[in-house]
Amino acid sequence: MQTRHIQTDGLNQQILEAGAGPLVLLIHGFPELGISWRAQVAALAAAGFHAVAPDMRGYGGTDKPVEAADYSILQLVGDMVDLVRALGETSCVVVGHDWGAPVAWHCALTRPDLFRAVFGLSVPFQPRRPKGPPTAAMAAISKRLGLGDLYISRFQAADAHQAFDADPATALRKMFHAYDGATPDGRQSTGFIPEGQSFISTVPDDATLPPWMSETHFAEYVAAFSAGGFRGPLDWYRNLDRNWAATAFLQDARIRIPAAFMVGERDPVRNYSGQHEAGLKDWAPDLRMQVVVPGAGHWIQQERPDAVNRLLLEFLASL
């Protein structure tokens, strides 16, 4: 397993890779890095695949454009297309977790000639909403429920990243704690932030690291986000309405390549995206696997590496 930099069109990407054989691309989410896939990189390499896990645009050792508009879904998909080409390949299987899942789903939607199969973790495919931009819909849902703002709405503020940048270690520790499957009920995040509070303040100050995360592994995250900051990662969220406007050509499009999806039973993200799980087969007709992992939370590839590795290899074997 090695880390290196690879130059793609206009972007210098840091990748974690191992193995030789058919390419499998592993896309992380927020607030993670390519290192979140170490267990999968090792398992895939041992099974005869070339596993590549990049630090995504705005994260870790990869370039961090300064304009918020440079983090749209089409640019994120373009980064993956460029990465496959720079690796000398003409096809791959794409795997995505959290924010990486929408990127992976859109890779499948827009370039089925290049991405021959897609495996989503934690966030199901969400078809484009024809009634209007998503942030307005989120605000309406939050108002109706009376639970406060959905954190995604708070992330729209131009200075939202500053609270995270002020103390990266505390922010990261609380986020990993609040979305982990081992965290008891009542201490997990609901995703909603009451008036007068922040995302960070809604998580108890005595939040501990998840059982699967060592202090050494956590220190890698703290070092990366202390150096690179949270502005770029939050710019992904600030492009939601721009993404909606730019993807009108994908309205009602289906994912036609083989697909799979798995999610943790206790993943708090299911509170606000879980409704899309039931209709996933309608949008991905060749859905070969849909699994709910008992007791698991949001960080599923790190919480349940053996289960993820087994199902991922099973899916790859079905292609």
C-alpha atoms as a PDB file:
ATOM      1  CA  MET A   1       0.000   0.000   0.000  1.00  0.00           C
ATOM      2  CA  GLN A   2       1.473   3.324  -1.041  1.00  0.00           C
ATOM      3  CA  THR A   3       0.570   6.999  -1.173  1.00  0.00           C
ATOM      4  CA  ARG A   4       1.533   9.100  -4.173  1.00  0.00           C
ATOM      5  CA  HIS A   5       0.438  12.147  -6.138  1.00  0.00           C
ATOM      6  CA  ILE A   6      -0.924  11.976  -9.653  1.00  0.00           C
ATOM      7  CA  GLN A   7      -1.561  14.936 -11.945  1.00  0.00           C
ATOM      8  CA  THR A   8      -4.929  15.039 -13.675  1.00  0.00           C
ATOM      9  CA  ASP A   9      -6.457  17.850 -15.745  1.00  0.00           C
ATOM     10  CA  GLY A  10      -5.904  20.905 -13.582  1.00  0.00           C
ATOM     11  CA  LEU A  11      -5.758  18.977 -10.306  1.00  0.00           C
ATOM     12  CA  ASN A  12      -2.989  17.295  -8.353  1.00  0.00           C
ATOM     13  CA  GLN A  13      -4.562  14.352  -6.538  1.00  0.00           C
ATOM     14  CA  GLN A  14      -3.132  12.349  -3.674  1.00  0.00           C
ATOM     15  CA  ILE A  15      -4.058   8.675  -3.832  1.00  0.00           C
ATOM     16  CA  LEU A  16      -3.723   5.634  -1.611  1.00  0.00           C
ATOM     17  CA  GLU A  17      -3.331   2.491  -3.712  1.00  0.00           C
ATOM     18  CA  ALA A  18      -2.358  -1.152  -3.737  1.00  0.00           C
ATOM     19  CA  GLY A  19      -2.636  -4.173  -5.967  1.00  0.00           C
ATOM     20  CA  ALA A  20      -2.725  -4.915  -9.676  1.00  0.00           C
ATOM     21  CA  GLY A  21      -5.654  -5.907 -11.848  1.00  0.00           C
ATOM     22  CA  PRO A  22      -9.075  -4.390 -12.640  1.00  0.00           C
ATOM     23  CA  LEU A  23      -9.407  -0.889 -11.193  1.00  0.00           C
ATOM     24  CA  VAL A  24     -11.702  -0.182  -8.235  1.00  0.00           C
ATOM     25  CA  LEU A  25     -12.031   3.484  -7.290  1.00  0.00           C
ATOM     26  CA  LEU A  26     -12.971   4.285  -3.668  1.00  0.00           C
ATOM     27  CA  ILE A  27     -14.466   7.758  -3.014  1.00  0.00           C
ATOM     28  CA  HIS A  28     -14.622   9.062   0.549  1.00  0.00           C
ATOM     29  CA  GLY A  29     -17.082  11.500   2.103  1.00  0.00           C
ATOM     30  CA  PHE A  30     -17.176  14.174   4.827  1.00  0.00           C
ATOM     31  CA  PRO A  31     -15.133  14.571   6.962  1.00  0.00           C
ATOM     32  CA  GLU A  32     -12.888  11.772   5.790  1.00  0.00           C
ATOM     33  CA  LEU A  33      -9.894  11.028   3.582  1.00  0.00           C
ATOM     34  CA  GLY A  34      -8.606   8.293   1.309  1.00  0.00           C
ATOM     35  CA  ILE A  35      -7.196   6.572   4.408  1.00  0.00           C
ATOM     36  CA  SER A  36     -10.757   5.713   5.491  1.00  0.00           C
ATOM     37  CA  TRP A  37     -10.587   2.922   2.873  1.00  0.00           C
ATOM     38  CA  ARG A  38      -7.405   1.196   4.100  1.00  0.00           C
ATOM     39  CA  ALA A  39      -9.181  -2.045   4.984  1.00  0.00           C
ATOM     40  CA  GLN A  40     -10.855  -2.148   1.574  1.00  0.00           C
ATOM     41  CA  VAL A  41      -7.655  -1.267  -0.304  1.00  0.00           C
ATOM     42  CA  ALA A  42      -5.885  -4.165   1.401  1.00  0.00           C
ATOM     43  CA  ALA A  43      -8.716  -6.637   0.787  1.00  0.00           C
ATOM     44  CA  LEU A  44      -9.167  -5.640  -2.855  1.00  0.00           C
ATOM     45  CA  ALA A  45      -5.444  -5.842  -3.557  1.00  0.00           C
ATOM     46  CA  ALA A  46      -5.286  -9.301  -2.004  1.00  0.00           C
ATOM     47  CA  ALA A  47      -8.196 -10.371  -4.234  1.00  0.00           C
ATOM     48  CA  GLY A  48      -6.468  -9.301  -7.444  1.00  0.00           C
ATOM     49  CA  PHE A  49      -7.718  -5.743  -7.955  1.00  0.00           C
ATOM     50  CA  HIS A  50      -6.000  -2.380  -8.303  1.00  0.00           C
ATOM     51  CA  ALA A  51      -7.586  -0.398  -5.464  1.00  0.00           C
ATOM     52  CA  VAL A  52      -7.243   3.400  -5.534  1.00  0.00           C
ATOM     53  CA  ALA A  53      -8.600   5.753  -2.835  1.00  0.00           C
ATOM     54  CA  PRO A  54      -8.004   9.443  -3.598  1.00  0.00           C
ATOM     55  CA  ASP A  55      -8.176  12.372  -1.240  1.00  0.00           C
ATOM     56  CA  MET A  56     -11.002  14.205  -2.950  1.00  0.00           C
ATOM     57  CA  ARG A  57     -10.931  17.792  -4.189  1.00  0.00           C
ATOM     58  CA  GLY A  58     -10.532  20.103  -1.180  1.00  0.00           C
ATOM     59  CA  TYR A  59      -9.289  17.342   1.126  1.00  0.00           C
ATOM     60  CA  GLY A  60      -5.971  16.117   2.509  1.00  0.00           C
ATOM     61  CA  GLY A  61      -3.101  16.025   0.047  1.00  0.00           C
ATOM     62  CA  THR A  62      -5.195  16.931  -3.018  1.00  0.00           C
ATOM     63  CA  ASP A  63      -5.487  20.464  -4.415  1.00  0.00           C
ATOM     64  CA  LYS A  64      -8.011  22.816  -2.849  1.00  0.00           C
ATOM     65  CA  PRO A  65      -9.483  25.342  -5.321  1.00  0.00           C
ATOM     66  CA  VAL A  66     -10.383  28.634  -3.687  1.00  0.00           C
ATOM     67  CA  GLU A  67     -13.747  29.323  -5.331  1.00  0.00           C
ATOM     68  CA  ALA A  68     -16.860  27.641  -3.920  1.00  0.00           C
ATOM     69  CA  ALA A  69     -18.167  27.156  -7.458  1.00  0.00           C
ATOM     70  CA  ASP A  70     -15.227  24.828  -8.141  1.00  0.00           C
ATOM     71  CA  TYR A  71     -16.803  22.050  -6.066  1.00  0.00           C
ATOM     72  CA  SER A  72     -19.849  21.163  -8.163  1.00  0.00           C
ATOM     73  CA  ILE A  73     -20.937  17.572  -8.708  1.00  0.00           C
ATOM     74  CA  LEU A  74     -19.908  17.735 -12.370  1.00  0.00           C
ATOM     75  CA  GLN A  75     -16.386  18.783 -11.415  1.00  0.00           C
ATOM     76  CA  LEU A  76     -16.190  16.037  -8.794  1.00  0.00           C
ATOM     77  CA  VAL A  77     -17.261  13.451 -11.371  1.00  0.00           C
ATOM     78  CA  GLY A  78     -14.775  14.982 -13.808  1.00  0.00           C
ATOM     79  CA  ASP A  79     -12.001  14.506 -11.263  1.00  0.00           C
ATOM     80  CA  MET A  80     -12.768  10.789 -11.145  1.00  0.00           C
ATOM     81  CA  VAL A  81     -12.933  10.515 -14.939  1.00  0.00           C
ATOM     82  CA  ASP A  82      -9.559  12.246 -15.154  1.00  0.00           C
ATOM     83  CA  LEU A  83      -8.117  10.010 -12.443  1.00  0.00           C
ATOM     84  CA  VAL A  84      -9.127   6.824 -14.269  1.00  0.00           C
ATOM     85  CA  ARG A  85      -7.505   8.137 -17.446  1.00  0.00           C
ATOM     86  CA  ALA A  86      -4.350   9.254 -15.617  1.00  0.00           C
ATOM     87  CA  LEU A  87      -4.057   5.754 -14.160  1.00  0.00           C
ATOM     88  CA  GLY A  88      -3.992   4.416 -17.701  1.00  0.00           C
ATOM     89  CA  GLU A  89      -7.344   2.648 -17.474  1.00  0.00           C
ATOM     90  CA  THR A  90     -10.438   2.704 -19.674  1.00  0.00           C
ATOM     91  CA  SER A  91     -12.947   1.306 -17.167  1.00  0.00           C
ATOM     92  CA  CYS A  92     -13.405   0.762 -13.444  1.00  0.00           C
ATOM     93  CA  VAL A  93     -15.856  -0.037 -10.686  1.00  0.00           C
ATOM     94  CA  VAL A  94     -16.668   3.008  -8.552  1.00  0.00           C
ATOM     95  CA  VAL A  95     -17.420   2.804  -4.820  1.00  0.00           C
ATOM     96  CA  GLY A  96     -18.588   5.798  -2.782  1.00  0.00           C
ATOM     97  CA  HIS A  97     -19.353   6.492   0.874  1.00  0.00           C
ATOM     98  CA  ASP A  98     -21.270   9.462   2.342  1.00  0.00           C
ATOM     99  CA  TRP A  99     -20.697  12.429  -0.047  1.00  0.00           C
ATOM    100  CA  GLY A 100     -18.640  10.046  -2.139  1.00  0.00           C
ATOM    101  CA  ALA A 101     -21.808   8.044  -2.810  1.00  0.00           C
ATOM    102  CA  PRO A 102     -23.565  10.843  -4.756  1.00  0.00           C
ATOM    103  CA  VAL A 103     -20.335  11.314  -6.704  1.00  0.00           C
ATOM    104  CA  ALA A 104     -20.274   7.587  -7.471  1.00  0.00           C
ATOM    105  CA  TRP A 105     -23.976   7.532  -8.423  1.00  0.00           C
ATOM    106  CA  HIS A 106     -23.387  10.461 -10.795  1.00  0.00           C
ATOM    107  CA  CYS A 107     -20.343   8.743 -12.269  1.00  0.00           C
ATOM    108  CA  ALA A 108     -22.710   5.889 -13.091  1.00  0.00           C
ATOM    109  CA  LEU A 109     -25.366   8.221 -14.503  1.00  0.00           C
ATOM    110  CA  THR A 110     -23.113  10.307 -16.715  1.00  0.00           C
ATOM    111  CA  ARG A 111     -20.349   7.910 -17.824  1.00  0.00           C
ATOM    112  CA  PRO A 112     -21.640   4.332 -17.893  1.00  0.00           C
ATOM    113  CA  ASP A 113     -19.116   3.684 -20.650  1.00  0.00           C
ATOM    114  CA  LEU A 114     -16.265   4.292 -18.187  1.00  0.00           C
ATOM    115  CA  PHE A 115     -17.734   3.182 -14.865  1.00  0.00           C
ATOM    116  CA  ARG A 116     -18.927  -0.381 -15.335  1.00  0.00           C
ATOM    117  CA  ALA A 117     -20.534  -0.849 -11.907  1.00  0.00           C
ATOM    118  CA  VAL A 118     -21.313   1.237  -8.802  1.00  0.00           C
ATOM    119  CA  PHE A 119     -21.397   0.397  -5.095  1.00  0.00           C
ATOM    120  CA  GLY A 120     -22.877   3.002  -2.734  1.00  0.00           C
ATOM    121  CA  LEU A 121     -22.397   3.102   1.031  1.00  0.00           C
ATOM    122  CA  SER A 122     -24.609   4.954   3.528  1.00  0.00           C
ATOM    123  CA  VAL A 123     -26.250   7.414   1.089  1.00  0.00           C
ATOM    124  CA  PRO A 124     -28.676   5.975  -1.481  1.00  0.00           C
ATOM    125  CA  PHE A 125     -29.143   7.442  -4.927  1.00  0.00           C
ATOM    126  CA  GLN A 126     -31.393  10.499  -4.703  1.00  0.00           C
ATOM    127  CA  PRO A 127     -33.042  11.401  -8.016  1.00  0.00           C
ATOM    128  CA  ARG A 128     -33.151  15.037  -9.048  1.00  0.00           C
ATOM    129  CA  ARG A 129     -36.140  16.796  -7.509  1.00  0.00           C
ATOM    130  CA  PRO A 130     -38.184  18.385 -10.334  1.00  0.00           C
ATOM    131  CA  LYS A 131     -39.986  20.878  -8.080  1.00  0.00           C
ATOM    132  CA  GLY A 132     -37.012  23.112  -7.371  1.00  0.00           C
ATOM    133  CA  PRO A 133     -33.621  23.483  -5.673  1.00  0.00           C
ATOM    134  CA  PRO A 134     -32.946  21.259  -2.644  1.00  0.00           C
ATOM    135  CA  THR A 135     -32.039  23.869  -0.017  1.00  0.00           C
ATOM    136  CA  ALA A 136     -35.515  25.406  -0.117  1.00  0.00           C
ATOM    137  CA  ALA A 137     -37.041  21.952   0.331  1.00  0.00           C
ATOM    138  CA  MET A 138     -34.728  21.262   3.283  1.00  0.00           C
ATOM    139  CA  ALA A 139     -35.717  24.527   4.937  1.00  0.00           C
ATOM    140  CA  ALA A 140     -39.412  23.717   4.509  1.00  0.00           C
ATOM    141  CA  ILE A 141     -38.953  20.255   6.034  1.00  0.00           C
ATOM    142  CA  SER A 142     -37.029  21.690   8.982  1.00  0.00           C
ATOM    143  CA  LYS A 143     -39.750  24.271   9.607  1.00  0.00           C
ATOM    144  CA  ARG A 144     -42.487  21.640   9.456  1.00  0.00           C
ATOM    145  CA  LEU A 145     -40.706  19.316  11.884  1.00  0.00           C
ATOM    146  CA  GLY A 146     -39.765  22.092  14.308  1.00  0.00           C
ATOM    147  CA  LEU A 147     -36.435  20.465  15.180  1.00  0.00           C
ATOM    148  CA  GLY A 148     -34.240  23.324  14.021  1.00  0.00           C
ATOM    149  CA  ASP A 149     -32.173  23.628  10.864  1.00  0.00           C
ATOM    150  CA  LEU A 150     -30.817  20.603   9.055  1.00  0.00           C
ATOM    151  CA  TYR A 151     -27.046  20.865   9.338  1.00  0.00           C
ATOM    152  CA  ILE A 152     -26.803  21.023   5.539  1.00  0.00           C
ATOM    153  CA  SER A 153     -28.750  24.288   5.657  1.00  0.00           C
ATOM    154  CA  ARG A 154     -26.329  25.712   8.216  1.00  0.00           C
ATOM    155  CA  PHE A 155     -23.388  24.679   6.024  1.00  0.00           C
ATOM    156  CA  GLN A 156     -24.645  27.039   3.292  1.00  0.00           C
ATOM    157  CA  ALA A 157     -23.290  30.045   5.221  1.00  0.00           C
ATOM    158  CA  ALA A 158     -20.064  31.391   3.734  1.00  0.00           C
ATOM    159  CA  ASP A 159     -18.370  31.309   7.154  1.00  0.00           C
ATOM    160  CA  ALA A 160     -19.734  27.939   8.336  1.00  0.00           C
ATOM    161  CA  HIS A 161     -16.315  26.314   8.140  1.00  0.00           C
ATOM    162  CA  GLN A 162     -14.738  28.736  10.605  1.00  0.00           C
ATOM    163  CA  ALA A 163     -16.184  27.001  13.666  1.00  0.00           C
ATOM    164  CA  PHE A 164     -14.603  23.735  12.503  1.00  0.00           C
ATOM    165  CA  ASP A 165     -11.287  25.368  11.642  1.00  0.00           C
ATOM    166  CA  ALA A 166     -11.087  26.910  15.124  1.00  0.00           C
ATOM    167  CA  ASP A 167     -10.654  23.481  16.749  1.00  0.00           C
ATOM    168  CA  PRO A 168     -10.359  20.663  14.196  1.00  0.00           C
ATOM    169  CA  ALA A 169      -9.677  17.976  16.813  1.00  0.00           C
ATOM    170  CA  THR A 170     -12.847  18.718  18.777  1.00  0.00           C
ATOM    171  CA  ALA A 171     -14.960  19.059  15.639  1.00  0.00           C
ATOM    172  CA  LEU A 172     -13.730  15.767  14.211  1.00  0.00           C
ATOM    173  CA  ARG A 173     -14.036  13.880  17.491  1.00  0.00           C
ATOM    174  CA  LYS A 174     -17.625  15.033  17.921  1.00  0.00           C
ATOM    175  CA  MET A 175     -18.597  14.234  14.339  1.00  0.00           C
ATOM    176  CA  PHE A 176     -17.149  10.733  14.446  1.00  0.00           C
ATOM    177  CA  HIS A 177     -18.848  10.147  17.810  1.00  0.00           C
ATOM    178  CA  ALA A 178     -22.241  11.514  16.802  1.00  0.00           C
ATOM    179  CA  TYR A 179     -22.590   9.323  13.699  1.00  0.00           C
ATOM    180  CA  ASP A 180     -21.096   6.081  14.986  1.00  0.00           C
ATOM    181  CA  GLY A 181     -23.121   2.923  15.492  1.00  0.00           C
ATOM    182  CA  ALA A 182     -21.642   2.309  18.954  1.00  0.00           C
ATOM    183  CA  THR A 183     -22.852   5.688  20.224  1.00  0.00           C
ATOM    184  CA  PRO A 184     -25.959   5.226  22.406  1.00  0.00           C
ATOM    185  CA  ASP A 185     -29.385   6.564  21.490  1.00  0.00           C
ATOM    186  CA  GLY A 186     -29.741  10.154  22.604  1.00  0.00           C
ATOM    187  CA  ARG A 187     -26.103  10.924  21.890  1.00  0.00           C
ATOM    188  CA  GLN A 188     -26.179  10.323  18.167  1.00  0.00           C
ATOM    189  CA  SER A 189     -26.842  13.348  15.974  1.00  0.00           C
ATOM    190  CA  THR A 190     -30.346  13.828  14.597  1.00  0.00           C
ATOM    191  CA  GLY A 191     -28.937  16.027  11.838  1.00  0.00           C
ATOM    192  CA  PHE A 192     -31.013  18.966  13.057  1.00  0.00           C
ATOM    193  CA  ILE A 193     -29.609  21.970  14.925  1.00  0.00           C
ATOM    194  CA  PRO A 194     -31.879  23.932  17.312  1.00  0.00           C
ATOM    195  CA  GLU A 195     -31.862  27.714  17.170  1.00  0.00           C
ATOM    196  CA  GLY A 196     -28.989  29.204  19.130  1.00  0.00           C
ATOM    197  CA  GLN A 197     -26.796  26.136  18.800  1.00  0.00           C
ATOM    198  CA  SER A 198     -24.190  24.949  16.318  1.00  0.00           C
ATOM    199  CA  PHE A 199     -23.502  21.518  14.872  1.00  0.00           C
ATOM    200  CA  ILE A 200     -20.566  21.158  17.266  1.00  0.00           C
ATOM    201  CA  SER A 201     -22.468  22.307  20.360  1.00  0.00           C
ATOM    202  CA  THR A 202     -25.233  19.720  19.821  1.00  0.00           C
ATOM    203  CA  VAL A 203     -22.740  16.917  20.532  1.00  0.00           C
ATOM    204  CA  PRO A 204     -21.770  16.397  24.211  1.00  0.00           C
ATOM    205  CA  ASP A 205     -18.351  17.696  25.205  1.00  0.00           C
ATOM    206  CA  ASP A 206     -17.423  14.296  26.650  1.00  0.00           C
ATOM    207  CA  ALA A 207     -17.810  12.634  23.233  1.00  0.00           C
ATOM    208  CA  THR A 208     -15.254   9.873  22.775  1.00  0.00           C
ATOM    209  CA  LEU A 209     -13.681   8.400  19.687  1.00  0.00           C
ATOM    210  CA  PRO A 210     -15.488   5.407  18.165  1.00  0.00           C
ATOM    211  CA  PRO A 211     -14.197   1.963  19.227  1.00  0.00           C
ATOM    212  CA  TRP A 212     -12.658   1.345  15.798  1.00  0.00           C
ATOM    213  CA  MET A 213     -10.636   4.579  15.681  1.00  0.00           C
ATOM    214  CA  SER A 214      -7.216   4.577  17.323  1.00  0.00           C
ATOM    215  CA  GLU A 215      -5.567   7.744  18.567  1.00  0.00           C
ATOM    216  CA  THR A 216      -2.934   7.319  15.842  1.00  0.00           C
ATOM    217  CA  HIS A 217      -5.554   7.081  13.100  1.00  0.00           C
ATOM    218  CA  PHE A 218      -7.438  10.069  14.532  1.00  0.00           C
ATOM    219  CA  ALA A 219      -4.216  12.091  14.589  1.00  0.00           C
ATOM    220  CA  GLU A 220      -3.952  11.606  10.817  1.00  0.00           C
ATOM    221  CA  TYR A 221      -7.347  13.255  10.352  1.00  0.00           C
ATOM    222  CA  VAL A 222      -6.536  16.085  12.748  1.00  0.00           C
ATOM    223  CA  ALA A 223      -3.250  16.803  10.963  1.00  0.00           C
ATOM    224  CA  ALA A 224      -4.902  16.821   7.532  1.00  0.00           C
ATOM    225  CA  PHE A 225      -7.804  19.089   8.490  1.00  0.00           C
ATOM    226  CA  SER A 226      -5.604  21.377  10.585  1.00  0.00           C
ATOM    227  CA  ALA A 227      -3.446  21.916   7.508  1.00  0.00           C
ATOM    228  CA  GLY A 228      -6.153  22.028   4.848  1.00  0.00           C
ATOM    229  CA  GLY A 229      -9.150  23.356   6.740  1.00  0.00           C
ATOM    230  CA  PHE A 230     -12.853  22.720   6.260  1.00  0.00           C
ATOM    231  CA  ARG A 231     -13.679  25.393   3.681  1.00  0.00           C
ATOM    232  CA  GLY A 232     -13.265  23.132   0.657  1.00  0.00           C
ATOM    233  CA  PRO A 233     -15.180  20.198   2.179  1.00  0.00           C
ATOM    234  CA  LEU A 234     -18.097  22.475   3.118  1.00  0.00           C
ATOM    235  CA  ASP A 235     -18.060  23.980  -0.383  1.00  0.00           C
ATOM    236  CA  TRP A 236     -19.379  20.602  -1.564  1.00  0.00           C
ATOM    237  CA  TYR A 237     -22.566  21.400   0.397  1.00  0.00           C
ATOM    238  CA  ARG A 238     -22.672  24.976  -0.861  1.00  0.00           C
ATOM    239  CA  ASN A 239     -23.074  23.649  -4.410  1.00  0.00           C
ATOM    240  CA  LEU A 240     -26.327  21.764  -3.831  1.00  0.00           C
ATOM    241  CA  ASP A 241     -28.513  24.308  -5.628  1.00  0.00           C
ATOM    242  CA  ARG A 242     -25.890  24.812  -8.327  1.00  0.00           C
ATOM    243  CA  ASN A 243     -25.801  21.035  -8.816  1.00  0.00           C
ATOM    244  CA  TRP A 244     -29.559  20.971  -9.188  1.00  0.00           C
ATOM    245  CA  ALA A 245     -29.420  23.663 -11.872  1.00  0.00           C
ATOM    246  CA  ALA A 246     -26.561  21.968 -13.734  1.00  0.00           C
ATOM    247  CA  THR A 247     -28.136  18.508 -13.840  1.00  0.00           C
ATOM    248  CA  ALA A 248     -31.454  19.220 -15.535  1.00  0.00           C
ATOM    249  CA  PHE A 249     -30.238  16.974 -18.344  1.00  0.00           C
ATOM    250  CA  LEU A 250     -30.268  14.077 -15.862  1.00  0.00           C
ATOM    251  CA  GLN A 251     -33.905  14.532 -14.832  1.00  0.00           C
ATOM    252  CA  ASP A 252     -35.540  11.086 -14.488  1.00  0.00           C
ATOM    253  CA  ALA A 253     -32.357   9.311 -15.668  1.00  0.00           C
ATOM    254  CA  ARG A 254     -31.822   5.765 -14.387  1.00  0.00           C
ATOM    255  CA  ILE A 255     -28.610   4.038 -13.376  1.00  0.00           C
ATOM    256  CA  ARG A 256     -28.284   1.298 -15.976  1.00  0.00           C
ATOM    257  CA  ILE A 257     -25.043  -0.348 -14.856  1.00  0.00           C
ATOM    258  CA  PRO A 258     -24.900  -3.020 -12.121  1.00  0.00           C
ATOM    259  CA  ALA A 259     -25.350  -1.441  -8.696  1.00  0.00           C
ATOM    260  CA  ALA A 260     -25.221  -2.284  -4.999  1.00  0.00           C
ATOM    261  CA  PHE A 261     -26.002  -0.430  -1.784  1.00  0.00           C
ATOM    262  CA  MET A 262     -25.357  -1.016   1.903  1.00  0.00           C
ATOM    263  CA  VAL A 263     -26.107   1.073   4.964  1.00  0.00           C
ATOM    264  CA  GLY A 264     -25.729   0.793   8.720  1.00  0.00           C
ATOM    265  CA  GLU A 265     -28.917   0.081  10.627  1.00  0.00           C
ATOM    266  CA  ARG A 266     -28.115   2.880  13.105  1.00  0.00           C
ATOM    267  CA  ASP A 267     -26.783   5.398  10.596  1.00  0.00           C
ATOM    268  CA  PRO A 268     -28.244   8.818  11.559  1.00  0.00           C
ATOM    269  CA  VAL A 269     -28.125   9.887   7.907  1.00  0.00           C
ATOM    270  CA  ARG A 270     -31.113   7.598   7.402  1.00  0.00           C
ATOM    271  CA  ASN A 271     -33.144  10.185   9.356  1.00  0.00           C
ATOM    272  CA  TYR A 272     -33.084  12.475   6.321  1.00  0.00           C
ATOM    273  CA  SER A 273     -32.061  10.356   3.316  1.00  0.00           C
ATOM    274  CA  GLY A 274     -33.452   6.966   4.264  1.00  0.00           C
ATOM    275  CA  GLN A 275     -36.697   7.534   2.379  1.00  0.00           C
ATOM    276  CA  HIS A 276     -34.751   7.022  -0.844  1.00  0.00           C
ATOM    277  CA  GLU A 277     -33.768   3.471   0.126  1.00  0.00           C
ATOM    278  CA  ALA A 278     -37.208   2.010  -0.603  1.00  0.00           C
ATOM    279  CA  GLY A 279     -37.273   3.205  -4.220  1.00  0.00           C
ATOM    280  CA  LEU A 280     -33.656   2.490  -5.055  1.00  0.00           C
ATOM    281  CA  LYS A 281     -34.511  -0.486  -7.267  1.00  0.00           C
ATOM    282  CA  ASP A 282     -36.722   1.772  -9.399  1.00  0.00           C
ATOM    283  CA  TRP A 283     -33.802   4.086 -10.139  1.00  0.00           C
ATOM    284  CA  ALA A 284     -31.168   1.371 -10.427  1.00  0.00           C
ATOM    285  CA  PRO A 285     -32.925  -1.518 -12.210  1.00  0.00           C
ATOM    286  CA  ASP A 286     -29.805  -3.716 -12.067  1.00  0.00           C
ATOM    287  CA  LEU A 287     -29.532  -3.381  -8.283  1.00  0.00           C
ATOM    288  CA  ARG A 288     -27.890  -6.671  -7.290  1.00  0.00           C
ATOM    289  CA  MET A 289     -27.507  -6.083  -3.577  1.00  0.00           C
ATOM    290  CA  GLN A 290     -29.155  -3.910  -0.911  1.00  0.00           C
ATOM    291  CA  VAL A 291     -28.040  -4.661   2.639  1.00  0.00           C
ATOM    292  CA  VAL A 292     -28.709  -3.111   6.050  1.00  0.00           C
ATOM    293  CA  VAL A 293     -25.915  -3.977   8.501  1.00  0.00           C
ATOM    294  CA  PRO A 294     -27.301  -4.528  12.037  1.00  0.00           C
ATOM    295  CA  GLY A 295     -25.943  -2.154  14.663  1.00  0.00           C
ATOM    296  CA  ALA A 296     -23.650  -0.277  12.290  1.00  0.00           C
ATOM    297  CA  GLY A 297     -23.582   3.496  12.055  1.00  0.00           C
ATOM    298  CA  HIS A 298     -22.435   5.904   9.393  1.00  0.00           C
ATOM    299  CA  TRP A 299     -18.695   5.116   9.138  1.00  0.00           C
ATOM    300  CA  ILE A 300     -19.531   1.688   7.834  1.00  0.00           C
ATOM    301  CA  GLN A 301     -16.361   0.794   5.930  1.00  0.00           C
ATOM    302  CA  GLN A 302     -14.370   1.459   9.101  1.00  0.00           C
ATOM    303  CA  GLU A 303     -16.945   0.213  11.621  1.00  0.00           C
ATOM    304  CA  ARG A 304     -17.629  -3.040   9.780  1.00  0.00           C
ATOM    305  CA  PRO A 305     -14.653  -3.604   7.453  1.00  0.00           C
ATOM    306  CA  ASP A 306     -15.114  -7.364   7.268  1.00  0.00           C
ATOM    307  CA  ALA A 307     -18.767  -7.071   6.234  1.00  0.00           C
ATOM    308  CA  VAL A 308     -18.039  -4.339   3.690  1.00  0.00           C
ATOM    309  CA  ASN A 309     -15.108  -6.275   2.232  1.00  0.00           C
ATOM    310  CA  ARG A 310     -17.115  -9.478   1.966  1.00  0.00           C
ATOM    311  CA  LEU A 311     -20.091  -7.841   0.250  1.00  0.00           C
ATOM    312  CA  LEU A 312     -17.928  -5.708  -2.018  1.00  0.00           C
ATOM    313  CA  LEU A 313     -15.977  -8.740  -3.215  1.00  0.00           C
ATOM    314  CA  GLU A 314     -19.237 -10.666  -3.633  1.00  0.00           C
ATOM    315  CA  PHE A 315     -20.604  -7.851  -5.793  1.00  0.00           C
ATOM    316  CA  LEU A 316     -17.434  -7.682  -7.875  1.00  0.00           C
ATOM    317  CA  ALA A 317     -17.628 -11.427  -8.414  1.00  0.00           C
ATOM    318  CA  SER A 318     -21.161 -11.009  -9.808  1.00  0.00           C
ATOM    319  CA  LEU A 319     -20.050  -8.671 -12.595  1.00  0.00           C
END
